[in-house]
Protein backbone atom coordinates (compact mmCIF):
# COMPACT_ATOMS: atom_id res chain seq x y z
CA UNK A 1 138.89 -213.13 -64.61
CA UNK A 2 136.06 -210.78 -63.77
CA UNK A 3 137.96 -207.53 -63.63
CA UNK A 4 140.55 -207.88 -66.41
CA UNK A 5 140.33 -205.08 -68.89
CA UNK A 6 140.81 -207.47 -71.80
CA UNK A 7 137.51 -209.30 -71.41
CA UNK A 8 134.81 -208.08 -73.77
CA UNK A 9 131.96 -208.86 -76.10
CA UNK A 10 131.28 -206.72 -79.13
CA UNK A 11 128.10 -207.20 -81.10
CA UNK A 12 128.15 -207.42 -84.86
CA UNK A 13 126.76 -203.97 -85.53
CA UNK A 14 129.42 -202.48 -83.29
CA UNK A 15 132.15 -204.52 -84.95
CA UNK A 16 130.95 -203.45 -88.36
CA UNK A 17 130.92 -199.87 -87.15
CA UNK A 18 134.50 -200.31 -85.99
CA UNK A 19 135.47 -201.32 -89.49
CA UNK A 20 133.49 -198.45 -90.98
CA UNK A 21 135.29 -196.07 -88.64
CA UNK A 22 138.65 -197.52 -89.58
CA UNK A 23 137.92 -197.05 -93.26
CA UNK A 24 136.50 -193.59 -92.69
CA UNK A 25 139.81 -192.45 -91.27
CA UNK A 26 141.38 -192.90 -94.68
CA UNK A 27 138.43 -191.43 -96.54
CA UNK A 28 138.10 -194.51 -98.75
CA UNK A 29 138.16 -198.32 -98.50
CA UNK A 30 141.62 -199.86 -98.26
CA UNK A 31 142.63 -201.61 -101.49
CA UNK A 32 142.09 -205.35 -101.12
CA UNK A 33 145.59 -206.26 -102.23
CA UNK A 34 147.49 -203.40 -100.59
CA UNK A 35 150.17 -204.32 -98.08
CA UNK A 36 150.11 -202.61 -94.67
CA UNK A 37 152.51 -199.70 -94.44
CA UNK A 38 155.63 -200.70 -92.48
CA UNK A 39 156.28 -198.99 -89.19
CA UNK A 40 159.25 -196.66 -89.19
CA UNK A 41 162.00 -198.33 -87.11
CA UNK A 42 162.62 -195.26 -84.98
CA UNK A 43 158.94 -194.78 -84.13
CA UNK A 44 157.77 -198.40 -83.89
CA UNK A 45 155.70 -198.85 -80.75
CA UNK A 46 157.42 -202.07 -79.62
CA UNK A 47 160.83 -200.48 -80.05
CA UNK A 48 159.68 -197.41 -78.15
CA UNK A 49 158.46 -199.52 -75.23
CA UNK A 50 161.70 -201.50 -75.16
CA UNK A 51 163.92 -198.42 -75.33
CA UNK A 52 161.92 -196.51 -72.73
CA UNK A 53 161.92 -199.47 -70.35
CA UNK A 54 165.69 -199.82 -70.68
CA UNK A 55 166.37 -196.10 -70.40
CA UNK A 56 164.42 -195.65 -67.16
CA UNK A 57 164.71 -199.16 -65.68
CA UNK A 58 160.96 -199.69 -65.73
CA UNK A 59 159.65 -203.22 -66.46
CA UNK A 60 158.59 -203.21 -70.09
CA UNK A 61 155.43 -205.22 -69.43
CA UNK A 62 154.34 -202.90 -66.63
CA UNK A 63 154.85 -199.93 -68.95
CA UNK A 64 152.67 -201.57 -71.63
CA UNK A 65 150.01 -202.58 -69.09
CA UNK A 66 149.74 -199.03 -67.73
CA UNK A 67 149.31 -197.68 -71.26
CA UNK A 68 146.81 -200.37 -72.19
CA UNK A 69 144.73 -199.74 -69.10
CA UNK A 70 144.64 -196.03 -69.83
CA UNK A 71 144.00 -195.97 -73.59
CA UNK A 72 144.18 -199.49 -75.10
CA UNK A 73 147.43 -198.11 -76.62
CA UNK A 74 145.52 -195.64 -78.75
CA UNK A 75 146.95 -192.13 -78.89
CA UNK A 76 143.64 -190.76 -80.23
CA UNK A 77 145.46 -188.58 -82.75
CA UNK A 78 146.74 -186.26 -80.04
CA UNK A 79 143.27 -185.35 -78.78
CA UNK A 80 142.82 -184.98 -75.00
CA UNK A 81 140.82 -187.20 -72.69
CA UNK A 82 138.16 -185.91 -70.32
CA UNK A 83 140.78 -184.91 -67.73
CA UNK A 84 143.16 -183.51 -70.38
CA UNK A 85 145.41 -186.54 -70.77
CA UNK A 86 147.35 -187.23 -73.98
CA UNK A 87 148.80 -190.14 -75.89
CA UNK A 88 149.08 -193.85 -75.26
CA UNK A 89 150.43 -193.27 -71.75
CA UNK A 90 147.77 -190.66 -70.91
CA UNK A 91 150.10 -187.92 -69.75
CA UNK A 92 147.88 -185.43 -67.96
CA UNK A 93 147.87 -181.66 -67.70
CA UNK A 94 145.21 -180.24 -65.42
CA UNK A 95 145.18 -178.19 -62.21
CA UNK A 96 145.43 -181.32 -60.07
CA UNK A 97 147.95 -183.36 -62.07
CA UNK A 98 150.88 -182.42 -64.28
CA UNK A 99 152.42 -185.65 -65.56
CA UNK A 100 152.62 -184.15 -69.07
CA UNK A 101 154.76 -181.24 -67.91
CA UNK A 102 156.76 -183.51 -65.64
CA UNK A 103 157.50 -185.82 -68.56
CA UNK A 104 158.69 -182.83 -70.58
CA UNK A 105 161.12 -181.83 -67.83
CA UNK A 106 162.40 -185.39 -67.36
CA UNK A 107 162.88 -186.26 -71.03
CA UNK A 108 163.63 -182.91 -72.66
CA UNK A 109 160.82 -183.44 -75.16
CA UNK A 110 158.41 -180.60 -75.79
CA UNK A 111 154.83 -180.77 -74.60
CA UNK A 112 153.73 -180.77 -78.25
CA UNK A 113 155.94 -183.78 -79.00
CA UNK A 114 154.62 -185.65 -75.98
CA UNK A 115 151.04 -185.05 -77.15
CA UNK A 116 151.54 -186.06 -80.77
CA UNK A 117 154.45 -188.49 -81.00
CA UNK A 118 153.83 -192.00 -79.64
CA UNK A 119 157.51 -192.72 -79.06
CA UNK A 120 158.00 -189.52 -77.08
CA UNK A 121 154.81 -190.17 -75.13
CA UNK A 122 155.93 -193.69 -74.17
CA UNK A 123 159.32 -192.36 -73.04
CA UNK A 124 157.51 -189.68 -71.06
CA UNK A 125 155.35 -192.25 -69.31
CA UNK A 126 158.40 -194.34 -68.43
CA UNK A 127 160.22 -191.29 -67.07
CA UNK A 128 157.31 -190.37 -64.82
CA UNK A 129 156.96 -193.95 -63.57
CA UNK A 130 160.68 -194.05 -62.73
CA UNK A 131 160.50 -190.72 -60.92
CA UNK A 132 157.56 -191.99 -58.87
CA UNK A 133 159.50 -195.18 -58.14
CA UNK A 134 162.44 -193.14 -56.85
CA UNK A 135 160.10 -191.14 -54.64
CA UNK A 136 158.68 -194.41 -53.30
CA UNK A 137 162.19 -195.61 -52.45
CA UNK A 138 162.41 -198.48 -54.96
CA UNK A 139 166.04 -199.55 -55.42
CA UNK A 140 167.45 -201.51 -58.35
CA UNK A 141 166.44 -204.86 -56.86
CA UNK A 142 162.93 -203.60 -56.16
CA UNK A 143 162.59 -202.34 -59.71
CA UNK A 144 163.25 -205.85 -61.02
CA UNK A 145 160.14 -207.15 -59.22
CA UNK A 146 156.88 -206.41 -61.01
CA UNK A 147 154.93 -206.65 -57.78
CA UNK A 148 156.97 -203.86 -56.18
CA UNK A 149 155.64 -201.32 -58.70
CA UNK A 150 152.06 -201.46 -57.39
CA UNK A 151 152.21 -198.20 -55.34
CA UNK A 152 153.91 -196.49 -58.29
CA UNK A 153 151.13 -197.53 -60.67
CA UNK A 154 148.55 -196.32 -58.16
CA UNK A 155 150.14 -192.88 -57.98
CA UNK A 156 150.59 -192.67 -61.75
CA UNK A 157 146.95 -193.25 -62.55
CA UNK A 158 144.85 -191.64 -59.88
CA UNK A 159 145.06 -188.23 -58.26
CA UNK A 160 141.94 -188.63 -56.12
CA UNK A 161 141.49 -190.68 -52.97
CA UNK A 162 143.42 -193.82 -52.07
CA UNK A 163 140.45 -196.03 -52.98
CA UNK A 164 140.50 -194.76 -56.59
CA UNK A 165 144.28 -195.26 -56.70
CA UNK A 166 143.89 -198.87 -55.59
CA UNK A 167 141.12 -199.41 -58.12
CA UNK A 168 143.49 -198.15 -60.82
CA UNK A 169 146.50 -200.23 -59.74
CA UNK A 170 144.37 -203.36 -59.36
CA UNK A 171 143.28 -202.92 -62.99
CA UNK A 172 146.93 -202.71 -64.13
CA UNK A 173 147.81 -205.93 -62.32
CA UNK A 174 144.69 -207.63 -63.67
CA UNK A 175 145.99 -206.79 -67.15
CA UNK A 176 149.38 -208.32 -66.31
CA UNK A 177 147.56 -211.45 -65.16
CA UNK A 178 145.50 -211.70 -68.33
CA UNK A 179 148.21 -210.63 -70.75
CA UNK A 180 147.84 -208.40 -73.82
CA UNK A 181 147.72 -209.28 -77.50
CA UNK A 182 146.62 -206.35 -79.58
CA UNK A 183 147.40 -204.21 -82.61
CA UNK A 184 148.12 -200.51 -82.56
CA UNK A 185 147.53 -198.00 -85.33
CA UNK A 186 149.50 -199.09 -88.39
CA UNK A 187 149.03 -202.79 -87.69
CA UNK A 188 151.97 -203.38 -85.35
CA UNK A 189 151.30 -206.12 -82.82
CA UNK A 190 152.02 -205.49 -79.13
CA UNK A 191 151.94 -208.37 -76.67
CA UNK A 192 152.42 -209.06 -72.99
CA UNK A 193 152.53 -212.69 -71.88
CA UNK A 194 150.08 -213.45 -69.05
CA UNK A 195 151.73 -214.14 -65.73
CA UNK A 196 150.76 -214.41 -62.09
CA UNK A 197 152.07 -211.36 -60.22
CA UNK A 198 151.56 -210.85 -56.52
CA UNK A 199 151.12 -207.09 -56.05
CA UNK A 200 153.06 -205.58 -53.15
CA UNK A 201 150.41 -203.06 -52.14
CA UNK A 202 152.33 -201.45 -49.28
CA UNK A 203 150.31 -198.54 -47.87
CA UNK A 204 147.39 -199.52 -50.13
CA UNK A 205 147.02 -202.94 -48.47
CA UNK A 206 144.49 -201.58 -46.00
CA UNK A 207 142.67 -199.52 -48.63
CA UNK A 208 139.53 -200.83 -50.27
CA UNK A 209 138.25 -199.92 -53.72
CA UNK A 210 135.02 -198.95 -51.92
CA UNK A 211 135.48 -195.74 -49.94
CA UNK A 212 132.41 -196.12 -47.72
CA UNK A 213 129.97 -198.82 -46.59
CA UNK A 214 127.81 -200.15 -49.41
CA UNK A 215 124.76 -198.84 -47.55
CA UNK A 216 125.70 -195.46 -49.01
CA UNK A 217 124.79 -196.52 -52.54
CA UNK A 218 121.38 -196.15 -54.17
CA UNK A 219 121.91 -199.06 -56.58
CA UNK A 220 122.46 -202.28 -54.61
CA UNK A 221 125.21 -203.79 -56.78
CA UNK A 222 127.28 -200.59 -57.07
CA UNK A 223 130.51 -199.70 -55.31
CA UNK A 224 130.64 -196.35 -53.55
CA UNK A 225 133.52 -194.00 -54.31
CA UNK A 226 132.31 -190.43 -53.77
CA UNK A 227 133.12 -187.40 -55.87
CA UNK A 228 134.57 -184.28 -54.30
CA UNK A 229 131.76 -182.31 -52.68
CA UNK A 230 132.59 -179.23 -54.77
CA UNK A 231 131.99 -181.12 -58.03
CA UNK A 232 128.22 -181.48 -57.57
CA UNK A 233 125.33 -179.70 -55.87
CA UNK A 234 123.53 -180.99 -52.82
CA UNK A 235 119.84 -181.62 -53.43
CA UNK A 236 117.67 -181.46 -56.53
CA UNK A 237 115.98 -178.65 -58.43
CA UNK A 238 113.28 -180.87 -59.91
CA UNK A 239 112.02 -184.44 -60.13
CA UNK A 240 114.16 -187.03 -61.92
CA UNK A 241 112.76 -187.66 -65.40
CA UNK A 242 115.79 -188.54 -67.55
CA UNK A 243 118.81 -190.85 -67.76
CA UNK A 244 121.78 -189.40 -69.65
CA UNK A 245 124.26 -191.81 -71.26
CA UNK A 246 127.91 -190.65 -71.37
CA UNK A 247 131.29 -192.01 -72.44
CA UNK A 248 134.15 -191.12 -70.11
CA UNK A 249 136.87 -190.34 -72.67
CA UNK A 250 139.20 -192.02 -70.22
CA UNK A 251 139.60 -195.07 -68.01
CA UNK A 252 137.19 -196.25 -65.32
CA UNK A 253 139.45 -195.63 -62.34
CA UNK A 254 140.86 -192.47 -63.89
CA UNK A 255 137.38 -191.00 -64.32
CA UNK A 256 136.40 -191.82 -60.75
CA UNK A 257 139.62 -190.17 -59.61
CA UNK A 258 138.92 -187.10 -61.78
CA UNK A 259 135.53 -186.65 -60.10
CA UNK A 260 137.43 -186.55 -56.79
CA UNK A 261 139.74 -183.78 -57.98
CA UNK A 262 138.60 -180.29 -56.85
CA UNK A 263 139.78 -178.91 -60.20
CA UNK A 264 137.41 -181.10 -62.22
CA UNK A 265 134.13 -179.24 -61.67
CA UNK A 266 132.34 -182.26 -63.18
CA UNK A 267 130.82 -185.48 -61.89
CA UNK A 268 128.28 -188.18 -62.70
CA UNK A 269 126.11 -190.38 -60.56
CA UNK A 270 127.49 -193.67 -61.91
CA UNK A 271 130.48 -195.03 -63.85
CA UNK A 272 130.35 -198.41 -65.63
CA UNK A 273 133.49 -200.45 -66.37
CA UNK A 274 134.11 -201.84 -69.85
CA UNK A 275 135.54 -205.26 -69.01
CA UNK A 276 132.87 -206.66 -66.73
CA UNK A 277 130.22 -203.99 -66.24
CA UNK A 278 131.20 -203.16 -62.68
CA UNK A 279 129.29 -200.08 -61.47
CA UNK A 280 130.61 -197.40 -59.13
CA UNK A 281 128.39 -194.66 -57.73
CA UNK A 282 130.09 -191.32 -57.14
CA UNK A 283 127.15 -188.99 -56.41
CA UNK A 284 123.91 -189.83 -54.62
CA UNK A 285 120.81 -189.72 -56.79
CA UNK A 286 119.22 -187.20 -54.43
CA UNK A 287 122.05 -184.78 -55.33
CA UNK A 288 122.71 -182.99 -58.63
CA UNK A 289 125.78 -184.24 -60.48
CA UNK A 290 127.39 -181.82 -62.96
CA UNK A 291 127.38 -183.84 -66.14
CA UNK A 292 124.91 -182.47 -68.71
CA UNK A 293 124.36 -178.75 -68.16
CA UNK A 294 120.65 -178.06 -68.77
CA UNK A 295 119.68 -181.63 -67.86
CA UNK A 296 121.49 -181.70 -64.52
CA UNK A 297 118.50 -180.80 -62.29
CA UNK A 298 116.25 -183.59 -63.60
CA UNK A 299 118.61 -186.37 -64.72
CA UNK A 300 120.84 -189.19 -63.55
CA UNK A 301 124.19 -189.31 -65.36
CA UNK A 302 125.72 -192.68 -66.25
CA UNK A 303 129.30 -192.67 -67.55
CA UNK A 304 130.72 -195.59 -69.54
CA UNK A 305 134.44 -196.32 -69.63
CA UNK A 306 136.05 -195.77 -73.01
CA UNK A 307 136.43 -193.40 -75.92
CA UNK A 308 133.82 -192.27 -78.44
CA UNK A 309 136.10 -193.15 -81.37
CA UNK A 310 136.79 -196.76 -80.29
CA UNK A 311 133.81 -199.15 -80.18
CA UNK A 312 135.93 -201.95 -78.71
CA UNK A 313 135.29 -200.43 -75.27
CA UNK A 314 131.52 -200.97 -75.64
CA UNK A 315 131.38 -204.59 -74.50
CA UNK A 316 128.32 -206.74 -74.04
CA UNK A 317 129.05 -206.84 -70.31
CA UNK A 318 128.96 -203.04 -70.22
CA UNK A 319 125.75 -202.82 -72.26
CA UNK A 320 123.95 -205.35 -70.09
CA UNK A 321 125.15 -203.93 -66.77
CA UNK A 322 124.31 -200.36 -67.78
CA UNK A 323 120.91 -201.41 -69.11
CA UNK A 324 120.13 -203.14 -65.81
CA UNK A 325 121.05 -199.93 -63.96
CA UNK A 326 118.90 -197.83 -66.29
CA UNK A 327 116.02 -200.28 -65.95
CA UNK A 328 116.33 -199.94 -62.16
CA UNK A 329 116.25 -196.14 -62.45
CA UNK A 330 113.21 -196.16 -64.73
CA UNK A 331 111.35 -198.39 -62.29
CA UNK A 332 112.36 -196.30 -59.30
CA UNK A 333 111.42 -192.91 -60.75
CA UNK A 334 108.66 -193.87 -63.18
CA UNK A 335 110.73 -192.83 -66.21
CA UNK A 336 109.35 -194.03 -69.58
CA UNK A 337 111.67 -196.49 -71.28
CA UNK A 338 111.99 -194.57 -74.52
CA UNK A 339 114.54 -192.43 -76.32
CA UNK A 340 112.85 -189.23 -75.24
CA UNK A 341 113.79 -189.99 -71.63
CA UNK A 342 116.94 -192.10 -72.04
CA UNK A 343 119.25 -189.87 -74.04
CA UNK A 344 122.86 -189.35 -75.00
CA UNK A 345 124.93 -186.48 -73.70
CA UNK A 346 125.05 -185.05 -77.20
CA UNK A 347 121.23 -184.90 -77.32
CA UNK A 348 120.82 -182.68 -74.28
CA UNK A 349 120.06 -179.04 -75.24
CA UNK A 350 122.94 -176.65 -74.64
CA UNK A 351 125.68 -179.29 -74.76
CA UNK A 352 128.67 -179.40 -77.11
CA UNK A 353 129.72 -183.01 -76.43
CA UNK A 354 129.49 -185.87 -78.94
CA UNK A 355 129.17 -188.84 -76.60
CA UNK A 356 128.15 -191.58 -76.63
CA UNK A 357 128.88 -191.18 -80.35
CA UNK A 358 128.11 -193.13 -83.52
CA UNK A 359 129.38 -196.49 -82.25
CA UNK A 360 127.00 -196.69 -79.29
CA UNK A 361 124.37 -199.29 -80.24
CA UNK A 362 121.17 -197.57 -79.16
CA UNK A 363 118.88 -200.23 -80.63
CA UNK A 364 120.58 -202.98 -78.67
CA UNK A 365 120.86 -200.92 -75.50
CA UNK A 366 117.20 -199.96 -75.50
CA UNK A 367 116.15 -203.54 -76.17
CA UNK A 368 118.11 -204.53 -73.07
CA UNK A 369 116.55 -201.72 -71.04
CA UNK A 370 113.07 -202.85 -72.11
CA UNK A 371 113.93 -206.51 -71.63
CA UNK A 372 113.05 -207.49 -75.20
CA UNK A 373 113.43 -211.16 -76.05
CA UNK A 374 115.53 -210.20 -79.06
CA UNK A 375 118.30 -208.97 -76.78
CA UNK A 376 119.01 -212.41 -75.35
CA UNK A 377 119.95 -214.33 -78.51
CA UNK A 378 123.00 -216.58 -78.64
CA UNK A 379 126.13 -214.72 -79.74
CA UNK A 380 128.97 -216.23 -81.69
CA UNK A 381 131.41 -218.13 -79.43
CA UNK A 382 134.22 -216.07 -77.95
CA UNK A 383 137.48 -215.87 -79.86
CA UNK A 384 140.87 -214.98 -78.49
CA UNK A 385 142.55 -211.64 -78.91
CA UNK A 386 143.97 -209.94 -81.99
CA UNK A 387 141.27 -210.73 -84.52
CA UNK A 388 142.10 -209.29 -87.95
CA UNK A 389 139.47 -207.57 -90.09
CA UNK A 390 140.06 -207.60 -93.84
CA UNK A 391 138.06 -206.83 -96.95
CA UNK A 392 138.09 -210.34 -98.41
CA UNK A 393 139.03 -213.84 -97.26
CA UNK A 394 142.61 -213.86 -98.40
CA UNK A 395 145.74 -213.73 -96.28
CA UNK A 396 147.17 -211.34 -98.86
CA UNK A 397 144.45 -208.73 -98.42
CA UNK A 398 145.08 -205.58 -96.43
CA UNK A 399 144.09 -205.39 -92.81
CA UNK A 400 141.57 -202.60 -92.36
CA UNK A 401 140.98 -202.95 -88.61
CA UNK A 402 141.38 -205.34 -85.72
CA UNK A 403 139.22 -206.40 -82.81
CA UNK A 404 141.16 -206.51 -79.53
CA UNK A 405 139.12 -209.41 -78.14
CA UNK A 406 138.25 -211.67 -76.61
CA UNK A 407 135.39 -210.86 -78.95
CA UNK A 408 131.93 -212.24 -79.56
CA UNK A 409 129.87 -211.21 -82.58
CA UNK A 410 126.83 -212.40 -84.51
CA UNK A 411 128.10 -213.54 -87.88
CA UNK A 412 127.65 -216.10 -90.60
CA UNK A 413 130.17 -218.55 -89.22
CA UNK A 414 131.55 -222.09 -89.21
CA UNK A 415 133.53 -224.48 -87.07
CA UNK A 416 137.22 -224.81 -87.80
CA UNK A 417 137.67 -226.81 -90.98
CA UNK A 418 134.22 -225.96 -92.33
CA UNK A 419 133.95 -223.78 -95.40
CA UNK A 420 132.56 -220.27 -95.47
CA UNK A 421 131.27 -219.22 -98.89
CA UNK A 422 130.21 -215.74 -99.88
CA UNK A 423 130.09 -213.98 -103.23
CA UNK A 424 132.43 -216.47 -104.84
CA UNK A 425 134.83 -216.68 -101.90
CA UNK A 426 135.42 -219.92 -100.02
CA UNK A 427 137.70 -220.31 -97.03
CA UNK A 428 137.86 -222.41 -93.86
CA UNK A 429 139.27 -219.71 -91.60
CA UNK A 430 137.05 -216.71 -92.19
CA UNK A 431 133.69 -215.47 -90.98
CA UNK A 432 131.62 -212.83 -92.70
CA UNK A 433 130.02 -209.82 -91.03
CA UNK A 434 126.68 -209.28 -92.82
CA UNK A 435 125.02 -205.93 -93.27
CA UNK A 436 123.47 -204.49 -90.11
CA UNK A 437 121.30 -201.44 -90.53
CA UNK A 438 123.40 -199.89 -93.25
CA UNK A 439 126.82 -200.63 -91.79
CA UNK A 440 129.53 -201.79 -94.16
CA UNK A 441 128.88 -205.35 -95.28
CA UNK A 442 131.75 -206.90 -97.26
CA UNK A 443 133.98 -207.49 -94.25
CA UNK A 444 135.53 -210.74 -93.11
CA UNK A 445 137.03 -211.74 -89.78
CA UNK A 446 140.28 -213.72 -89.81
CA UNK A 447 140.03 -216.29 -87.03
CA UNK A 448 142.98 -218.52 -87.85
CA UNK A 449 144.94 -217.44 -84.79
CA UNK A 450 142.06 -217.31 -82.37
CA UNK A 451 139.55 -220.04 -83.14
CA UNK A 452 138.06 -222.09 -80.33
CA UNK A 453 137.93 -225.64 -81.75
CA UNK A 454 134.78 -227.67 -81.41
CA UNK A 455 132.32 -224.82 -81.10
CA UNK A 456 129.01 -225.13 -82.95
CA UNK A 457 127.95 -222.94 -85.81
CA UNK A 458 125.69 -219.97 -85.10
């Protein structure tokens, strides 16, 4: 499915960087024979989802899908998103939205607990969803139907216009259609079985994800979903000479909605979706988006869905779609295709942001922008979800990271049943990530659960 948030391709350097990041969190490599730490029963994520769903009569799978669409079930160590949202369920506290404070009132948990504790955050998200369901008039029978929750999901995720709300809710129901099979911090597996759900859109049935005719866009393949007029400046102070690459620190639909919130005081010209590279324009190129301080007058800002700390968001579809957009901009405005004119947010003078961060693959991105032949090589065939990353090919070795998948990487690989041999190891269910530009090298991918039989070797 083109718009499911699970679909992705991660190149080998990015995957290796993901492992390096996972190891860096501990300050040292995980011991090869160490067993994963067990989750505490009272704070286990699956138990928290089950208890919250039962306590507030919210479908468990809808609750998981909302969280996955917001954060990939990553609490980001209590750090806020771009629009000041916290935890797996992205409970927000900003002038336009107060789901964090509302969750505190509904559950009795403190704001600090809701920010830092995953169990409390999940209960808070369920409480807010139930309160929104009550406001929408859902009775007990309605609450048993997944499709009936569509307007509730729309209100939970987007505070801007109705088009952004529909974009958000559509993403949640795409996730339900695709299913989820992922690991959260600590190694616990969280799953949602794929199922066909007919969304009952109600008042959103006549709303389109595009808020104006496509003639309004400057990039032909983009959707148009405009930012609030007070979040950018009309006109330009100088000629366009630069493209600035950003990471949203939030979801695609949530970021578009944030740009529509008068409290935001930020915007970008374009937002690119992780799953399939869909592009939405929110500010016309002739106007000055507020995205990079000193670079605003002479740049076009391109936001990419995801979080700086999690390279799984940086899919091949996103890289290729964004590169095509940047290539279009460089042609249109005569911008040189080099790193002096295509820059990260963190590289703009006077900025204190870190995006796109260490996991953004600049070499690959620029090769796509330039159209280098080397950017079109054949990747490793796509695996399923929940791909384990370990330090050696042994089922007893400690997991050091996981790839959410479906994932495609360039590796030394084999068909199922063929042997992989490296440094004395031999196994028929492992593939090895070689060194890429200094990234960690002795990493293996466990593909026993997710192999596509019959695929050729790389």
